[in-house]
Amino acid sequence: MAGKLIANLIVMGSTIIGRAMLQAYRKALDNANKTGVAHEAINNIRRASKTMTEQEARQILGVSENSTWEEIVQRYDNLFERNAKSGSFYLQSKVHRAKECLETVYQKNKQDEPPT
């Protein structure tokens, strides 16, 4: 009899706690939607997963900020060919994305320079 009573108390207590947690979670989501925090967080996650920073691109290719475009292309060709022969497709794609990222940076820098 005492075991049954304890079991009922545990089940009822966990049900009450579960409902309270669900209600608090819903309230937190409502508050986040009202302030726009949820949408901003989702957009930041999407943006972060798709783009590569210039620093990350330079680290992948192993070049410095003072490297010329020719040095970057030479390093890219070397790493791309190595991974094509005996490497992984993932690393090869990272090397390619790094080159693309730096290519846009160098193109922007070229446009910003005044003509000589």
Protein backbone atom coordinates (compact mmCIF):
# COMPACT_ATOMS: atom_id res chain seq x y z
CA MET A 1 0.00 0.00 0.00
CA ALA A 2 2.78 2.44 0.90
CA GLY A 3 4.65 1.50 -2.31
CA LYS A 4 1.60 2.28 -4.40
CA LEU A 5 1.18 5.65 -2.70
CA ILE A 6 4.86 6.55 -3.26
CA ALA A 7 4.64 5.46 -6.92
CA ASN A 8 1.54 7.64 -7.44
CA LEU A 9 3.26 10.62 -5.80
CA ILE A 10 6.31 10.20 -8.04
CA VAL A 11 4.19 9.95 -11.19
CA MET A 12 2.04 12.95 -10.23
CA GLY A 13 5.08 14.99 -9.20
CA SER A 14 6.93 14.27 -12.42
CA THR A 15 3.81 15.14 -14.44
CA ILE A 16 3.48 18.48 -12.66
CA ILE A 17 7.17 19.26 -13.11
CA GLY A 18 7.03 18.23 -16.78
CA ARG A 19 4.04 20.50 -17.43
CA ALA A 20 5.72 23.40 -15.65
CA MET A 21 8.90 22.95 -17.72
CA LEU A 22 6.90 22.78 -20.95
CA GLN A 23 4.99 25.92 -20.01
CA ALA A 24 8.23 27.75 -19.14
CA TYR A 25 9.80 26.66 -22.44
CA ARG A 26 6.80 27.91 -24.41
CA LYS A 27 6.92 31.22 -22.54
CA ALA A 28 10.65 31.56 -23.29
CA LEU A 29 9.99 30.92 -27.00
CA ASP A 30 7.21 33.52 -27.02
CA ASN A 31 9.49 36.08 -25.38
CA ALA A 32 12.30 35.30 -27.84
CA ASN A 33 9.93 35.69 -30.79
CA LYS A 34 8.63 39.00 -29.47
CA THR A 35 12.10 40.50 -29.16
CA GLY A 36 13.41 38.97 -32.39
CA VAL A 37 16.19 37.10 -30.60
CA ALA A 38 15.11 33.75 -32.03
CA HIS A 39 15.20 34.97 -35.63
CA GLU A 40 18.55 36.67 -35.11
CA ALA A 41 20.04 33.52 -33.59
CA ILE A 42 18.77 31.38 -36.46
CA ASN A 43 20.16 33.83 -39.03
CA ASN A 44 23.53 33.88 -37.26
CA ILE A 45 23.68 30.08 -37.31
CA ARG A 46 22.85 29.99 -41.02
CA ARG A 47 25.38 32.71 -41.81
CA ALA A 48 28.13 31.11 -39.76
CA SER A 49 27.68 27.70 -41.30
CA LYS A 50 27.94 28.95 -44.89
CA THR A 51 30.71 31.49 -44.88
CA MET A 52 34.40 31.18 -44.20
CA THR A 53 36.32 34.00 -42.61
CA GLU A 54 39.41 35.44 -44.23
CA GLN A 55 41.50 34.34 -41.25
CA GLU A 56 40.24 30.76 -41.54
CA ALA A 57 40.91 30.75 -45.29
CA ARG A 58 44.47 31.97 -44.77
CA GLN A 59 45.01 29.34 -42.09
CA ILE A 60 43.76 26.53 -44.35
CA LEU A 61 45.99 27.58 -47.23
CA GLY A 62 48.89 28.43 -44.96
CA VAL A 63 49.43 31.95 -46.28
CA SER A 64 49.96 35.26 -44.49
CA GLU A 65 48.19 38.57 -44.93
CA ASN A 66 51.15 39.84 -46.96
CA SER A 67 50.98 37.00 -49.50
CA THR A 68 50.44 37.86 -53.13
CA TRP A 69 47.63 36.41 -55.19
CA GLU A 70 50.13 34.30 -57.14
CA GLU A 71 51.43 32.74 -53.90
CA ILE A 72 47.88 31.91 -52.85
CA VAL A 73 47.08 30.29 -56.20
CA GLN A 74 50.33 28.30 -56.09
CA ARG A 75 49.55 27.08 -52.55
CA TYR A 76 45.98 26.27 -53.58
CA ASP A 77 47.11 24.22 -56.60
CA ASN A 78 49.57 22.30 -54.45
CA LEU A 79 47.07 21.46 -51.68
CA PHE A 80 44.23 20.74 -54.12
CA GLU A 81 46.34 18.26 -56.11
CA ARG A 82 47.62 16.54 -52.97
CA ASN A 83 44.09 15.96 -51.72
CA ALA A 84 42.90 14.87 -55.16
CA LYS A 85 45.45 12.07 -55.25
CA SER A 86 45.51 10.67 -51.73
CA GLY A 87 43.44 12.96 -49.54
CA SER A 88 39.84 13.46 -48.64
CA PHE A 89 37.10 15.21 -50.58
CA TYR A 90 36.25 17.20 -47.43
CA LEU A 91 39.76 18.69 -47.20
CA GLN A 92 39.78 19.35 -50.92
CA SER A 93 36.51 21.26 -50.65
CA LYS A 94 37.85 23.26 -47.69
CA VAL A 95 40.90 24.24 -49.74
CA HIS A 96 38.64 25.28 -52.62
CA ARG A 97 36.36 27.33 -50.35
CA ALA A 98 39.41 29.02 -48.82
CA LYS A 99 40.62 30.06 -52.28
CA GLU A 100 37.15 31.38 -53.16
CA CYS A 101 37.03 33.39 -49.94
CA LEU A 102 40.43 34.96 -50.51
CA GLU A 103 39.59 35.58 -54.16
CA THR A 104 36.67 37.81 -53.14
CA VAL A 105 38.88 39.62 -50.62
CA TYR A 106 41.58 40.28 -53.22
CA GLN A 107 39.00 41.41 -55.80
CA LYS A 108 37.53 43.89 -53.30
CA ASN A 109 41.00 45.19 -52.44
CA LYS A 110 41.80 45.62 -56.13
CA GLN A 111 38.63 47.65 -56.69
CA ASP A 112 39.31 49.84 -53.63
CA GLU A 113 42.81 50.79 -54.82
CA PRO A 114 43.01 54.04 -56.76
CA PRO A 115 44.29 53.71 -60.33
CA THR A 116 47.95 54.60 -60.79
